[in-house]
């Protein structure tokens, strides 16, 4: 299974360019380190990401 999930700039207007969520490179960030909220991920894309996380980490 392909672990990346594309985020198209046409769908996510806060992106400067089409990007990808690299599931194998996920990390956590403390919300104190974030300067501002720039956007939300749609539920269907979030489900794709979560399914790939589960598959990629054999959960």
PDB file of N, CA and C in Angstrom:
ATOM      1  N   UNK A   1       0.849  -1.186   0.000  1.00  0.00           N
ATOM      2  CA  UNK A   1       0.000   0.000   0.000  1.00  0.00           C
ATOM      3  C   UNK A   1       0.887   1.239   0.000  1.00  0.00           C
ATOM      4  N   UNK A   2       0.452   2.234  -0.740  1.00  0.00           N
ATOM      5  CA  UNK A   2       1.146   3.507  -0.825  1.00  0.00           C
ATOM      6  C   UNK A   2       0.847   4.298   0.445  1.00  0.00           C
ATOM      7  N   UNK A   3       1.871   4.733   1.189  1.00  0.00           N
ATOM      8  CA  UNK A   3       1.659   5.363   2.490  1.00  0.00           C
ATOM      9  C   UNK A   3       1.418   6.869   2.439  1.00  0.00           C
ATOM     10  N   UNK A   4       1.732   7.527   1.334  1.00  0.00           N
ATOM     11  CA  UNK A   4       1.519   8.971   1.249  1.00  0.00           C
ATOM     12  C   UNK A   4       0.071   9.294   0.894  1.00  0.00           C
ATOM     13  N   UNK A   5      -0.415  10.423   1.394  1.00  0.00           N
ATOM     14  CA  UNK A   5      -1.746  10.928   1.046  1.00  0.00           C
ATOM     15  C   UNK A   5      -1.556  12.331   0.494  1.00  0.00           C
ATOM     16  N   UNK A   6      -1.986  12.556  -0.743  1.00  0.00           N
ATOM     17  CA  UNK A   6      -1.822  13.879  -1.367  1.00  0.00           C
ATOM     18  C   UNK A   6      -2.827  14.874  -0.822  1.00  0.00           C
ATOM     19  N   UNK A   7      -2.365  16.091  -0.652  1.00  0.00           N
ATOM     20  CA  UNK A   7      -3.207  17.221  -0.254  1.00  0.00           C
ATOM     21  C   UNK A   7      -3.071  18.264  -1.359  1.00  0.00           C
ATOM     22  N   UNK A   8      -4.108  18.395  -2.158  1.00  0.00           N
ATOM     23  CA  UNK A   8      -4.061  19.279  -3.320  1.00  0.00           C
ATOM     24  C   UNK A   8      -4.329  20.728  -2.931  1.00  0.00           C
ATOM     25  N   UNK A   9      -3.524  21.627  -3.490  1.00  0.00           N
ATOM     26  CA  UNK A   9      -3.666  23.049  -3.154  1.00  0.00           C
ATOM     27  C   UNK A   9      -5.001  23.614  -3.612  1.00  0.00           C
ATOM     28  N   UNK A  10      -5.649  22.978  -4.592  1.00  0.00           N
ATOM     29  CA  UNK A  10      -6.966  23.434  -5.042  1.00  0.00           C
ATOM     30  C   UNK A  10      -8.042  23.131  -3.993  1.00  0.00           C
ATOM     31  N   UNK A  11      -7.822  22.096  -3.195  1.00  0.00           N
ATOM     32  CA  UNK A  11      -8.769  21.706  -2.141  1.00  0.00           C
ATOM     33  C   UNK A  11      -8.435  22.427  -0.848  1.00  0.00           C
ATOM     34  N   UNK A  12      -7.147  22.500  -0.541  1.00  0.00           N
ATOM     35  CA  UNK A  12      -6.673  23.133   0.696  1.00  0.00           C
ATOM     36  C   UNK A  12      -6.029  24.469   0.342  1.00  0.00           C
ATOM     37  N   UNK A  13      -6.824  25.501   0.373  1.00  0.00           N
ATOM     38  CA  UNK A  13      -6.386  26.813  -0.103  1.00  0.00           C
ATOM     39  C   UNK A  13      -5.254  27.413   0.720  1.00  0.00           C
ATOM     40  N   UNK A  14      -5.017  26.892   1.923  1.00  0.00           N
ATOM     41  CA  UNK A  14      -3.925  27.394   2.752  1.00  0.00           C
ATOM     42  C   UNK A  14      -2.568  26.848   2.324  1.00  0.00           C
ATOM     43  N   UNK A  15      -2.538  25.885   1.404  1.00  0.00           N
ATOM     44  CA  UNK A  15      -1.279  25.320   0.912  1.00  0.00           C
ATOM     45  C   UNK A  15      -0.743  26.145  -0.248  1.00  0.00           C
ATOM     46  N   UNK A  16       0.560  26.367  -0.278  1.00  0.00           N
ATOM     47  CA  UNK A  16       1.191  27.076  -1.386  1.00  0.00           C
ATOM     48  C   UNK A  16       1.339  26.172  -2.602  1.00  0.00           C
ATOM     49  N   UNK A  17       1.441  24.863  -2.362  1.00  0.00           N
ATOM     50  CA  UNK A  17       1.573  23.883  -3.445  1.00  0.00           C
ATOM     51  C   UNK A  17       0.974  22.560  -2.999  1.00  0.00           C
ATOM     52  N   UNK A  18       0.662  21.707  -3.970  1.00  0.00           N
ATOM     53  CA  UNK A  18       0.161  20.384  -3.641  1.00  0.00           C
ATOM     54  C   UNK A  18       1.214  19.674  -2.809  1.00  0.00           C
ATOM     55  N   UNK A  19       0.791  19.062  -1.736  1.00  0.00           N
ATOM     56  CA  UNK A  19       1.711  18.448  -0.780  1.00  0.00           C
ATOM     57  C   UNK A  19       1.305  17.009  -0.522  1.00  0.00           C
ATOM     58  N   UNK A  20       2.079  16.326   0.294  1.00  0.00           N
ATOM     59  CA  UNK A  20       1.765  14.946   0.658  1.00  0.00           C
ATOM     60  C   UNK A  20       2.020  14.738   2.140  1.00  0.00           C
ATOM     61  N   UNK A  21       1.133  13.973   2.748  1.00  0.00           N
ATOM     62  CA  UNK A  21       1.347  13.527   4.123  1.00  0.00           C
ATOM     63  C   UNK A  21       2.148  12.246   4.017  1.00  0.00           C
ATOM     64  N   UNK A  22       3.364  12.252   4.533  1.00  0.00           N
ATOM     65  CA  UNK A  22       4.222  11.071   4.498  1.00  0.00           C
ATOM     66  C   UNK A  22       4.026  10.312   5.802  1.00  0.00           C
ATOM     67  N   UNK A  23       3.162   9.317   5.738  1.00  0.00           N
ATOM     68  CA  UNK A  23       2.767   8.587   6.940  1.00  0.00           C
ATOM     69  C   UNK A  23       3.973   7.974   7.650  1.00  0.00           C
ATOM     70  N   UNK A  24       4.942   7.503   6.897  1.00  0.00           N
ATOM     71  CA  UNK A  24       6.110   6.871   7.517  1.00  0.00           C
ATOM     72  C   UNK A  24       7.008   7.887   8.219  1.00  0.00           C
ATOM     73  N   UNK A  25       6.760   9.179   8.042  1.00  0.00           N
ATOM     74  CA  UNK A  25       7.563  10.219   8.670  1.00  0.00           C
ATOM     75  C   UNK A  25       6.757  11.061   9.658  1.00  0.00           C
ATOM     76  N   UNK A  26       5.659  10.536  10.155  1.00  0.00           N
ATOM     77  CA  UNK A  26       4.832  11.278  11.110  1.00  0.00           C
ATOM     78  C   UNK A  26       5.596  11.551  12.397  1.00  0.00           C
ATOM     79  N   UNK A  27       5.317  12.699  12.974  1.00  0.00           N
ATOM     80  CA  UNK A  27       5.900  13.074  14.254  1.00  0.00           C
ATOM     81  C   UNK A  27       4.883  13.929  15.009  1.00  0.00           C
ATOM     82  N   UNK A  28       5.132  14.148  16.252  1.00  0.00           N
ATOM     83  CA  UNK A  28       4.242  14.994  17.041  1.00  0.00           C
ATOM     84  C   UNK A  28       4.878  16.357  17.260  1.00  0.00           C
ATOM     85  N   UNK A  29       4.024  17.351  17.434  1.00  0.00           N
ATOM     86  CA  UNK A  29       4.476  18.713  17.707  1.00  0.00           C
ATOM     87  C   UNK A  29       3.605  19.253  18.827  1.00  0.00           C
ATOM     88  N   UNK A  30       4.230  19.821  19.817  1.00  0.00           N
ATOM     89  CA  UNK A  30       3.480  20.438  20.905  1.00  0.00           C
ATOM     90  C   UNK A  30       2.756  21.659  20.369  1.00  0.00           C
ATOM     91  N   UNK A  31       1.470  21.805  20.697  1.00  0.00           N
ATOM     92  CA  UNK A  31       0.697  22.918  20.149  1.00  0.00           C
ATOM     93  C   UNK A  31       1.223  24.281  20.589  1.00  0.00           C
ATOM     94  N   UNK A  32       2.009  24.345  21.646  1.00  0.00           N
ATOM     95  CA  UNK A  32       2.615  25.605  22.096  1.00  0.00           C
ATOM     96  C   UNK A  32       3.602  26.122  21.039  1.00  0.00           C
ATOM     97  N   UNK A  33       4.221  25.194  20.291  1.00  0.00           N
ATOM     98  CA  UNK A  33       5.197  25.586  19.269  1.00  0.00           C
ATOM     99  C   UNK A  33       4.554  26.110  17.989  1.00  0.00           C
ATOM    100  N   UNK A  34       3.255  25.885  17.816  1.00  0.00           N
ATOM    101  CA  UNK A  34       2.573  26.360  16.617  1.00  0.00           C
ATOM    102  C   UNK A  34       2.209  27.833  16.768  1.00  0.00           C
ATOM    103  N   UNK A  35       2.489  28.606  15.746  1.00  0.00           N
ATOM    104  CA  UNK A  35       2.240  30.048  15.820  1.00  0.00           C
ATOM    105  C   UNK A  35       0.792  30.392  15.498  1.00  0.00           C
ATOM    106  N   UNK A  36       0.220  29.718  14.493  1.00  0.00           N
ATOM    107  CA  UNK A  36      -1.162  30.017  14.114  1.00  0.00           C
ATOM    108  C   UNK A  36      -1.799  28.815  13.438  1.00  0.00           C
ATOM    109  N   UNK A  37      -3.106  28.760  13.479  1.00  0.00           N
ATOM    110  CA  UNK A  37      -3.874  27.720  12.814  1.00  0.00           C
ATOM    111  C   UNK A  37      -4.064  28.154  11.368  1.00  0.00           C
ATOM    112  N   UNK A  38      -3.688  27.290  10.409  1.00  0.00           N
ATOM    113  CA  UNK A  38      -3.802  27.695   9.009  1.00  0.00           C
ATOM    114  C   UNK A  38      -4.902  26.959   8.256  1.00  0.00           C
ATOM    115  N   UNK A  39      -5.404  25.849   8.786  1.00  0.00           N
ATOM    116  CA  UNK A  39      -6.462  25.139   8.081  1.00  0.00           C
ATOM    117  C   UNK A  39      -6.766  23.792   8.708  1.00  0.00           C
ATOM    118  N   UNK A  40      -7.774  23.140   8.161  1.00  0.00           N
ATOM    119  CA  UNK A  40      -8.212  21.829   8.630  1.00  0.00           C
ATOM    120  C   UNK A  40      -8.140  20.817   7.504  1.00  0.00           C
ATOM    121  N   UNK A  41      -7.960  19.559   7.866  1.00  0.00           N
ATOM    122  CA  UNK A  41      -7.960  18.464   6.907  1.00  0.00           C
ATOM    123  C   UNK A  41      -9.374  17.911   6.840  1.00  0.00           C
ATOM    124  N   UNK A  42      -9.879  17.702   5.631  1.00  0.00           N
ATOM    125  CA  UNK A  42     -11.220  17.152   5.461  1.00  0.00           C
ATOM    126  C   UNK A  42     -11.302  15.739   6.040  1.00  0.00           C
ATOM    127  N   UNK A  43     -12.470  15.380   6.510  1.00  0.00           N
ATOM    128  CA  UNK A  43     -12.661  14.100   7.191  1.00  0.00           C
ATOM    129  C   UNK A  43     -12.293  12.903   6.309  1.00  0.00           C
ATOM    130  N   UNK A  44     -12.620  12.937   5.019  1.00  0.00           N
ATOM    131  CA  UNK A  44     -12.284  11.814   4.150  1.00  0.00           C
ATOM    132  C   UNK A  44     -10.769  11.651   3.995  1.00  0.00           C
ATOM    133  N   UNK A  45     -10.041  12.760   3.897  1.00  0.00           N
ATOM    134  CA  UNK A  45      -8.575  12.674   3.823  1.00  0.00           C
ATOM    135  C   UNK A  45      -7.988  12.223   5.161  1.00  0.00           C
ATOM    136  N   UNK A  46      -8.561  12.682   6.255  1.00  0.00           N
ATOM    137  CA  UNK A  46      -8.101  12.250   7.569  1.00  0.00           C
ATOM    138  C   UNK A  46      -8.299  10.744   7.737  1.00  0.00           C
ATOM    139  N   UNK A  47      -9.410  10.229   7.236  1.00  0.00           N
ATOM    140  CA  UNK A  47      -9.649   8.779   7.291  1.00  0.00           C
ATOM    141  C   UNK A  47      -8.623   8.019   6.464  1.00  0.00           C
ATOM    142  N   UNK A  48      -8.258   8.550   5.297  1.00  0.00           N
ATOM    143  CA  UNK A  48      -7.218   7.923   4.475  1.00  0.00           C
ATOM    144  C   UNK A  48      -5.892   7.878   5.238  1.00  0.00           C
ATOM    145  N   UNK A  49      -5.557   8.991   5.876  1.00  0.00           N
ATOM    146  CA  UNK A  49      -4.308   9.065   6.650  1.00  0.00           C
ATOM    147  C   UNK A  49      -4.329   8.049   7.786  1.00  0.00           C
ATOM    148  N   UNK A  50      -5.429   8.003   8.520  1.00  0.00           N
ATOM    149  CA  UNK A  50      -5.527   7.079   9.662  1.00  0.00           C
ATOM    150  C   UNK A  50      -5.459   5.623   9.206  1.00  0.00           C
ATOM    151  N   UNK A  51      -6.092   5.289   8.093  1.00  0.00           N
ATOM    152  CA  UNK A  51      -6.025   3.923   7.573  1.00  0.00           C
ATOM    153  C   UNK A  51      -4.609   3.541   7.177  1.00  0.00           C
ATOM    154  N   UNK A  52      -3.888   4.485   6.593  1.00  0.00           N
ATOM    155  CA  UNK A  52      -2.499   4.208   6.216  1.00  0.00           C
ATOM    156  C   UNK A  52      -1.585   4.106   7.435  1.00  0.00           C
ATOM    157  N   UNK A  53      -1.865   4.896   8.469  1.00  0.00           N
ATOM    158  CA  UNK A  53      -1.107   4.780   9.718  1.00  0.00           C
ATOM    159  C   UNK A  53      -1.324   3.397  10.304  1.00  0.00           C
ATOM    160  N   UNK A  54      -2.571   2.967  10.375  1.00  0.00           N
ATOM    161  CA  UNK A  54      -2.870   1.647  10.931  1.00  0.00           C
ATOM    162  C   UNK A  54      -2.181   0.546  10.137  1.00  0.00           C
ATOM    163  N   UNK A  55      -2.231   0.646   8.821  1.00  0.00           N
ATOM    164  CA  UNK A  55      -1.605  -0.370   7.981  1.00  0.00           C
ATOM    165  C   UNK A  55      -0.079  -0.294   8.089  1.00  0.00           C
ATOM    166  N   UNK A  56       0.462   0.910   8.016  1.00  0.00           N
ATOM    167  CA  UNK A  56       1.912   1.087   8.017  1.00  0.00           C
ATOM    168  C   UNK A  56       2.574   0.662   9.327  1.00  0.00           C
ATOM    169  N   UNK A  57       1.863   0.824  10.443  1.00  0.00           N
ATOM    170  CA  UNK A  57       2.407   0.445  11.741  1.00  0.00           C
ATOM    171  C   UNK A  57       1.809  -0.850  12.267  1.00  0.00           C
ATOM    172  N   UNK A  58       1.096  -1.553  11.383  1.00  0.00           N
ATOM    173  CA  UNK A  58       0.520  -2.861  11.683  1.00  0.00           C
ATOM    174  C   UNK A  58      -0.334  -2.821  12.942  1.00  0.00           C
ATOM    175  N   UNK A  59      -1.234  -1.853  12.998  1.00  0.00           N
ATOM    176  CA  UNK A  59      -2.130  -1.705  14.164  1.00  0.00           C
ATOM    177  C   UNK A  59      -3.466  -2.366  13.905  1.00  0.00           C
TER     178      UNK A  59
END
